[in-house]
Amino acid sequence: MKLTNKFNTLILTLGIFSGNLAAQPIVPPQSPSKTEIIDRFAELALECVHKEYPNIIKHMMNSDEDVKTPKQLYPAFYGCFDWHSSVHGHWLLTRIASQYPNSTHHQDIMASLARSFTEENLAGELAYFNRADTGTSFERPYGLAWFLQLTMELRGWDNPQAKHWLDILTPLENKIIANLTDWLPKLSFPIRVGEHSQTAFAFGLMWDWSLNANNQEFNNLLKTNITRLYASDVNCPLAYEPSGQDFLSPCIAEADLMRRVLSSAQYAKWLSAFLPSIPTDGKAKWLEVATVVDKTDGKLAHLDGLNLSRAWMLEGIASALNSKDPRKVAILNAAQAHKKSGLNSVIHDMHYMGSHWLGSFATYLKTQRGLQ
């Protein structure tokens, strides 16, 4: 019998058959400890942040001279299949190093971050952002939002090395904020998809960064535009979700965003109009957990990420509601169902189409980054 990895091992008792050919019972598998789970997340990122291939790049080419390898284009964030996954893979490592300094992989994480966060590498990243043909749309908004989460993590980490790395990343952070500041007022409509270009999810990460960085000007800009784009929304068509390759829920992500912007009383009222279908009977079935049938297909594997992101967003929504709100139990039960399925997909064996990015989503959920 082929056994799966240590997190999913089923130990079979090969007893002697009795006269009625009854086999001995199977010994139940042990659940992994929190330390084992965190180590698993770290391993996923360590395996890919400096793995250049396979790779998908988004790159404008005007001549043969523009044909370059991922590492030549993005000297810090060339691994993990694409730029944004590399960025949040580095965030994952930073998050674990800052929150779990006794992790088995702490020294490997520090060495990996030091390898990426050099002045030369970040100068190369900034040079790419300053290319005339790159414009302000590169990795907007998803990758840019995750980069801000990365610097947010460094900013909140009381560690001399983290402060040094933050200084190195700050010029690119400034460039990204300048690009977003230029873009936000021009955005006529929100982007309501379940993939990278969705604005609600990215705005939530950006909002949290603005508070952490004490950037009141950018926070005010976000609040103005979030209110303009979302405050009057009602009756979100949750029944149409998910699409077949979503890793973000347009409806749930918007609800998680607005709890950051509105007061508790305003939010409870807004949520009633926005998602009137949330039940008050405590049942979780109002939001079905998604299932991936082919983990080798990168787009279909997105649904594992959907379960993870829904879980943390539902927890965020519940955190903004009064303890006596009759919807809260159903929201938390749905969060738990999605969390169980999502974490299970990361703890067990995965194809690289999922392993290069799902660890970041699992870490964001498990460490409750969005609730802080």
Protein backbone atom coordinates (compact mmCIF):
# COMPACT_ATOMS: atom_id res chain seq x y z
CA MET A 1 0.00 0.00 0.00
CA LYS A 2 1.27 3.46 -0.88
CA LEU A 3 1.19 5.81 2.12
CA THR A 4 0.77 9.56 1.79
CA ASN A 5 3.00 12.05 3.65
CA LYS A 6 3.41 12.23 7.39
CA PHE A 7 0.42 14.50 7.80
CA ASN A 8 -1.95 12.00 6.21
CA THR A 9 -0.51 8.59 7.12
CA LEU A 10 -2.94 5.82 7.80
CA ILE A 11 -1.35 3.11 9.89
CA LEU A 12 -2.84 -0.22 8.99
CA THR A 13 -2.83 -3.04 11.50
CA LEU A 14 -2.07 -6.16 9.50
CA GLY A 15 -3.51 -8.64 11.99
CA ILE A 16 -3.83 -12.35 11.57
CA PHE A 17 -7.11 -13.30 9.96
CA SER A 18 -9.49 -15.19 12.17
CA GLY A 19 -11.70 -17.97 10.97
CA ASN A 20 -14.29 -15.49 9.69
CA LEU A 21 -11.58 -13.58 7.76
CA ALA A 22 -12.25 -10.40 9.72
CA ALA A 23 -9.34 -7.95 9.56
CA GLN A 24 -8.12 -5.95 12.51
CA PRO A 25 -9.47 -2.38 12.70
CA ILE A 26 -7.58 0.48 11.09
CA VAL A 27 -5.79 2.75 13.56
CA PRO A 28 -7.05 6.33 13.04
CA PRO A 29 -4.48 8.83 11.77
CA GLN A 30 -3.16 11.43 14.19
CA SER A 31 -3.87 15.08 13.38
CA PRO A 32 -0.73 17.16 12.79
CA SER A 33 0.26 19.57 15.53
CA LYS A 34 0.26 23.33 14.99
CA THR A 35 4.06 23.24 14.82
CA GLU A 36 3.97 20.58 12.10
CA ILE A 37 1.41 22.61 10.15
CA ILE A 38 3.47 25.80 10.33
CA ASP A 39 6.59 23.88 9.29
CA ARG A 40 4.63 22.49 6.34
CA PHE A 41 3.72 26.00 5.20
CA ALA A 42 7.34 27.14 5.50
CA GLU A 43 8.56 24.18 3.47
CA LEU A 44 6.24 25.04 0.60
CA ALA A 45 7.66 28.56 0.31
CA LEU A 46 11.27 27.53 0.86
CA GLU A 47 10.91 25.05 -1.99
CA CYS A 48 9.79 27.67 -4.49
CA VAL A 49 11.02 31.21 -3.74
CA HIS A 50 14.30 30.52 -5.54
CA LYS A 51 12.92 28.01 -8.03
CA GLU A 52 12.97 29.84 -11.34
CA TYR A 53 11.16 27.28 -13.52
CA PRO A 54 8.42 26.55 -14.44
CA ASN A 55 7.46 30.19 -14.75
CA ILE A 56 4.83 32.46 -16.27
CA ILE A 57 5.89 36.05 -16.83
CA LYS A 58 3.89 39.14 -17.73
CA HIS A 59 6.31 41.22 -19.72
CA MET A 60 6.08 43.72 -22.57
CA MET A 61 8.62 42.99 -25.31
CA ASN A 62 9.45 45.56 -27.96
CA SER A 63 12.49 43.85 -29.46
CA ASP A 64 14.72 40.80 -29.13
CA GLU A 65 16.68 42.66 -26.46
CA ASP A 66 13.66 42.44 -24.17
CA VAL A 67 13.69 38.64 -24.16
CA LYS A 68 15.05 37.74 -20.73
CA THR A 69 14.79 35.03 -18.11
CA PRO A 70 12.55 35.55 -15.06
CA LYS A 71 15.58 36.12 -12.82
CA GLN A 72 16.91 38.79 -15.16
CA LEU A 73 13.56 40.55 -15.15
CA TYR A 74 12.76 40.16 -11.45
CA PRO A 75 15.99 39.53 -9.52
CA ALA A 76 14.26 39.24 -6.12
CA PHE A 77 10.84 37.81 -7.02
CA TYR A 78 11.52 35.39 -9.86
CA GLY A 79 10.51 32.13 -8.17
CA CYS A 80 7.24 30.40 -7.30
CA PHE A 81 5.92 30.35 -10.87
CA ASP A 82 5.06 34.07 -11.12
CA TRP A 83 5.89 37.46 -9.57
CA HIS A 84 2.92 37.76 -7.24
CA SER A 85 3.28 34.21 -5.90
CA SER A 86 6.95 34.87 -5.23
CA VAL A 87 6.04 38.04 -3.34
CA HIS A 88 3.52 36.35 -1.10
CA GLY A 89 5.84 33.36 -0.74
CA HIS A 90 8.35 35.80 0.77
CA TRP A 91 5.53 37.22 2.90
CA LEU A 92 4.79 33.69 4.16
CA LEU A 93 8.41 33.21 5.21
CA THR A 94 8.52 36.62 6.87
CA ARG A 95 5.27 35.94 8.70
CA ILE A 96 6.47 32.61 10.06
CA ALA A 97 9.90 33.94 11.02
CA SER A 98 8.36 36.87 12.90
CA GLN A 99 5.59 34.90 14.61
CA TYR A 100 7.40 31.58 15.19
CA PRO A 101 11.08 32.30 15.90
CA ASN A 102 11.50 28.78 17.26
CA SER A 103 10.34 27.18 14.04
CA THR A 104 12.44 24.27 12.79
CA HIS A 105 13.05 26.20 9.58
CA HIS A 106 13.87 29.60 11.13
CA GLN A 107 17.52 29.69 10.07
CA ASP A 108 16.69 28.49 6.56
CA ILE A 109 14.01 31.18 6.31
CA MET A 110 16.40 33.94 7.40
CA ALA A 111 18.99 32.77 4.90
CA SER A 112 16.42 32.63 2.12
CA LEU A 113 15.15 36.14 2.84
CA ALA A 114 18.70 37.48 3.00
CA ARG A 115 19.39 35.93 -0.40
CA SER A 116 16.42 37.77 -1.92
CA PHE A 117 16.44 41.09 -0.07
CA THR A 118 19.69 42.63 -1.28
CA GLU A 119 20.13 46.20 -2.46
CA GLU A 120 21.15 44.96 -5.91
CA ASN A 121 18.09 42.74 -6.28
CA LEU A 122 15.62 45.39 -5.19
CA ALA A 123 17.29 47.99 -7.40
CA GLY A 124 16.60 45.62 -10.28
CA GLU A 125 12.94 45.25 -9.22
CA LEU A 126 12.54 49.02 -9.00
CA ALA A 127 14.17 49.46 -12.40
CA TYR A 128 11.56 47.14 -13.89
CA PHE A 129 8.74 49.18 -12.35
CA ASN A 130 10.31 52.33 -13.79
CA ARG A 131 10.38 51.01 -17.36
CA ALA A 132 8.48 53.33 -19.68
CA ASP A 133 6.45 50.48 -21.18
CA THR A 134 5.59 48.81 -17.86
CA GLY A 135 3.22 51.58 -16.83
CA THR A 136 1.32 51.44 -13.56
CA SER A 137 -0.65 48.30 -14.37
CA PHE A 138 2.02 45.68 -13.68
CA GLU A 139 0.69 43.21 -11.06
CA ARG A 140 -2.15 45.59 -10.23
CA PRO A 141 -3.87 45.19 -7.86
CA TYR A 142 -3.15 41.68 -6.55
CA GLY A 143 0.64 41.52 -6.61
CA LEU A 144 0.98 45.10 -5.41
CA ALA A 145 -1.32 44.43 -2.46
CA TRP A 146 0.73 41.41 -1.45
CA PHE A 147 3.93 43.42 -1.67
CA LEU A 148 2.43 45.89 0.81
CA GLN A 149 1.59 42.95 3.08
CA LEU A 150 5.24 41.94 2.88
CA THR A 151 6.53 45.35 3.96
CA MET A 152 3.77 45.49 6.57
CA GLU A 153 5.11 42.27 8.08
CA LEU A 154 8.66 43.61 8.12
CA ARG A 155 7.50 46.89 9.65
CA GLY A 156 5.78 45.11 12.52
CA TRP A 157 8.66 42.71 13.25
CA ASP A 158 10.92 43.82 16.09
CA ASN A 159 14.11 42.51 14.58
CA PRO A 160 17.19 44.47 13.37
CA GLN A 161 17.48 42.38 10.24
CA ALA A 162 13.82 43.03 9.41
CA LYS A 163 14.40 46.77 9.73
CA HIS A 164 17.35 46.50 7.37
CA TRP A 165 15.32 44.56 4.83
CA LEU A 166 12.48 47.07 5.11
CA ASP A 167 14.88 49.90 4.27
CA ILE A 168 15.91 47.99 1.15
CA LEU A 169 12.29 47.36 0.09
CA THR A 170 11.01 50.87 0.88
CA PRO A 171 11.90 52.51 -2.48
CA LEU A 172 9.78 49.91 -4.29
CA GLU A 173 7.03 50.33 -1.69
CA ASN A 174 7.02 54.07 -2.40
CA LYS A 175 6.81 53.44 -6.14
CA ILE A 176 3.88 51.07 -5.67
CA ILE A 177 1.99 53.57 -3.51
CA ALA A 178 2.59 56.26 -6.12
CA ASN A 179 1.23 53.98 -8.85
CA LEU A 180 -1.85 53.08 -6.82
CA THR A 181 -2.47 56.70 -5.85
CA ASP A 182 -2.49 57.62 -9.51
CA TRP A 183 -4.81 54.73 -10.43
CA LEU A 184 -7.48 54.72 -7.73
CA PRO A 185 -9.35 57.91 -8.72
CA LYS A 186 -9.40 56.71 -12.34
CA LEU A 187 -11.12 53.42 -11.51
CA SER A 188 -14.68 53.98 -12.70
CA PHE A 189 -16.05 50.66 -11.49
CA PRO A 190 -14.96 47.93 -9.09
CA ILE A 191 -13.51 44.77 -10.59
CA ARG A 192 -15.80 41.94 -9.48
CA VAL A 193 -14.05 38.74 -10.52
CA GLY A 194 -12.79 35.75 -8.56
CA GLU A 195 -9.16 36.00 -9.60
CA HIS A 196 -6.17 38.35 -9.46
CA SER A 197 -7.75 41.53 -10.78
CA GLN A 198 -10.46 41.64 -8.10
CA THR A 199 -10.34 44.97 -6.29
CA ALA A 200 -12.19 44.16 -3.03
CA PHE A 201 -9.59 41.66 -1.84
CA ALA A 202 -6.65 43.86 -2.79
CA PHE A 203 -8.20 46.92 -1.17
CA GLY A 204 -8.52 44.99 2.10
CA LEU A 205 -4.79 44.19 2.11
CA MET A 206 -3.96 47.77 1.16
CA TRP A 207 -6.20 49.14 3.92
CA ASP A 208 -4.42 47.06 6.54
CA TRP A 209 -1.05 48.26 5.23
CA SER A 210 -2.13 51.91 5.40
CA LEU A 211 -2.96 51.55 9.10
CA ASN A 212 0.24 49.65 9.85
CA ALA A 213 2.38 52.19 7.99
CA ASN A 214 0.43 55.10 9.50
CA ASN A 215 -0.10 56.47 5.99
CA GLN A 216 -3.22 58.54 6.61
CA GLU A 217 -3.18 60.11 3.16
CA PHE A 218 -3.38 56.75 1.41
CA ASN A 219 -5.94 55.48 3.92
CA ASN A 220 -8.15 58.49 3.19
CA LEU A 221 -7.79 57.86 -0.55
CA LEU A 222 -8.78 54.25 -0.07
CA LYS A 223 -11.78 55.12 2.09
CA THR A 224 -13.04 57.67 -0.41
CA ASN A 225 -12.81 55.26 -3.33
CA ILE A 226 -14.00 52.15 -1.49
CA THR A 227 -17.07 54.08 -0.36
CA ARG A 228 -17.64 55.40 -3.87
CA LEU A 229 -17.34 51.96 -5.45
CA TYR A 230 -19.07 49.70 -2.90
CA ALA A 231 -21.15 51.49 -0.25
CA SER A 232 -24.42 51.42 -2.20
CA ASP A 233 -24.20 47.76 -3.26
CA VAL A 234 -27.17 45.51 -2.45
CA ASN A 235 -28.26 41.91 -3.13
CA CYS A 236 -24.91 40.44 -4.12
CA PRO A 237 -25.64 37.38 -6.33
CA LEU A 238 -24.00 34.80 -4.08
CA ALA A 239 -25.96 32.02 -5.80
CA TYR A 240 -23.84 32.58 -8.91
CA GLU A 241 -20.63 31.74 -7.05
CA PRO A 242 -18.20 30.23 -7.47
CA SER A 243 -17.03 30.36 -11.03
CA GLY A 244 -15.00 27.35 -12.07
CA GLN A 245 -11.58 28.87 -11.44
CA ASP A 246 -12.19 31.34 -8.60
CA PHE A 247 -9.81 31.62 -5.69
CA LEU A 248 -11.60 34.69 -4.32
CA SER A 249 -15.30 35.26 -3.74
CA PRO A 250 -16.51 38.61 -5.14
CA CYS A 251 -19.39 38.80 -2.63
CA ILE A 252 -17.60 37.54 0.48
CA ALA A 253 -14.47 39.59 -0.27
CA GLU A 254 -16.52 42.77 -0.57
CA ALA A 255 -18.25 42.06 2.72
CA ASP A 256 -14.88 41.48 4.37
CA LEU A 257 -13.60 44.75 2.94
CA MET A 258 -16.52 46.86 4.09
CA ARG A 259 -16.26 45.72 7.72
CA ARG A 260 -12.94 47.58 7.75
CA VAL A 261 -14.45 50.83 6.52
CA LEU A 262 -17.83 51.07 8.26
CA SER A 263 -18.71 51.39 11.92
CA SER A 264 -20.21 48.30 13.59
CA ALA A 265 -23.76 49.65 13.40
CA GLN A 266 -23.36 50.81 9.81
CA TYR A 267 -21.82 47.50 8.81
CA ALA A 268 -24.58 45.33 10.30
CA LYS A 269 -27.15 47.33 8.36
CA TRP A 270 -25.11 47.33 5.14
CA LEU A 271 -24.56 43.56 5.35
CA SER A 272 -28.30 42.94 5.68
CA ALA A 273 -28.88 44.72 2.38
CA PHE A 274 -25.82 43.28 0.67
CA LEU A 275 -26.18 39.60 1.67
CA PRO A 276 -29.80 39.15 2.79
CA SER A 277 -29.54 35.37 2.29
CA ILE A 278 -27.28 34.76 5.32
CA PRO A 279 -29.38 32.47 7.52
CA THR A 280 -30.14 32.85 11.21
CA ASP A 281 -30.49 29.12 11.95
CA GLY A 282 -26.76 28.54 12.44
CA LYS A 283 -26.39 26.15 9.51
CA ALA A 284 -23.27 26.25 7.34
CA LYS A 285 -24.81 24.92 4.11
CA TRP A 286 -25.76 28.39 2.85
CA LEU A 287 -22.25 28.54 1.36
CA GLU A 288 -21.07 25.29 -0.19
CA VAL A 289 -17.44 24.20 0.07
CA ALA A 290 -15.73 23.88 -3.33
CA THR A 291 -14.03 20.69 -4.53
CA VAL A 292 -11.00 20.38 -6.82
CA VAL A 293 -11.15 17.39 -9.15
CA ASP A 294 -7.76 17.87 -10.86
CA LYS A 295 -4.94 19.39 -8.82
CA THR A 296 -2.56 19.33 -11.79
CA ASP A 297 -4.70 21.93 -13.55
CA GLY A 298 -3.57 25.31 -12.23
CA LYS A 299 -6.88 27.03 -12.89
CA LEU A 300 -9.06 24.28 -11.43
CA ALA A 301 -6.77 24.16 -8.37
CA HIS A 302 -7.81 27.73 -7.64
CA LEU A 303 -10.84 26.37 -5.81
CA ASP A 304 -8.64 25.14 -2.96
CA GLY A 305 -7.61 28.75 -2.51
CA LEU A 306 -11.24 29.82 -2.61
CA ASN A 307 -11.99 27.67 0.43
CA LEU A 308 -9.08 29.22 2.31
CA SER A 309 -9.88 32.82 1.42
CA ARG A 310 -13.58 32.37 2.12
CA ALA A 311 -12.70 30.97 5.54
CA TRP A 312 -10.64 33.96 6.64
CA MET A 313 -13.07 36.44 5.10
CA LEU A 314 -16.04 34.84 6.87
CA GLU A 315 -14.11 35.05 10.13
CA GLY A 316 -13.51 38.72 9.38
CA ILE A 317 -17.19 39.34 8.69
CA ALA A 318 -18.20 37.62 11.93
CA SER A 319 -15.65 39.63 13.91
CA ALA A 320 -17.42 42.85 12.96
CA LEU A 321 -20.86 41.71 14.13
CA ASN A 322 -22.33 41.99 17.60
CA SER A 323 -22.15 38.76 19.59
CA LYS A 324 -25.95 38.61 19.62
CA ASP A 325 -26.31 39.00 15.87
CA PRO A 326 -28.39 35.96 14.76
CA ARG A 327 -26.30 35.55 11.59
CA LYS A 328 -22.99 35.11 13.38
CA VAL A 329 -23.20 31.38 14.12
CA ALA A 330 -24.05 30.48 10.50
CA ILE A 331 -21.16 32.63 9.28
CA LEU A 332 -18.67 31.02 11.67
CA ASN A 333 -19.91 27.51 10.89
CA ALA A 334 -19.46 28.15 7.18
CA ALA A 335 -15.99 29.52 7.92
CA GLN A 336 -15.09 26.36 9.81
CA ALA A 337 -16.25 24.08 7.00
CA HIS A 338 -14.21 26.01 4.44
CA LYS A 339 -11.21 26.15 6.77
CA LYS A 340 -11.21 22.39 7.29
CA SER A 341 -11.31 21.68 3.57
CA GLY A 342 -8.82 24.39 2.64
CA LEU A 343 -6.18 23.46 5.20
CA ASN A 344 -6.60 19.79 4.37
CA SER A 345 -5.66 20.56 0.77
CA VAL A 346 -2.41 22.22 1.87
CA ILE A 347 -1.39 19.80 4.60
CA HIS A 348 -1.64 16.84 2.23
CA ASP A 349 0.26 16.18 -0.97
CA MET A 350 -0.17 18.80 -3.67
CA HIS A 351 0.88 19.35 -7.23
CA TYR A 352 3.17 22.35 -7.90
CA MET A 353 0.22 24.11 -9.51
CA GLY A 354 -1.13 24.54 -5.98
CA SER A 355 1.93 24.24 -3.76
CA HIS A 356 3.62 27.34 -5.20
CA TRP A 357 0.94 29.62 -3.71
CA LEU A 358 -1.56 27.89 -1.44
CA GLY A 359 0.80 27.92 1.53
CA SER A 360 0.50 31.71 1.64
CA PHE A 361 -3.28 31.56 1.78
CA ALA A 362 -3.14 28.88 4.46
CA THR A 363 -0.70 30.94 6.53
CA TYR A 364 -2.84 34.06 6.21
CA LEU A 365 -5.81 32.05 7.50
CA LYS A 366 -4.03 30.04 10.21
CA THR A 367 -2.23 33.05 11.72
CA GLN A 368 -5.35 35.26 11.49
CA ARG A 369 -3.45 38.00 9.69
CA GLY A 370 -6.67 39.62 8.46
CA LEU A 371 -8.10 39.93 11.96
CA GLN A 372 -5.16 41.91 13.30
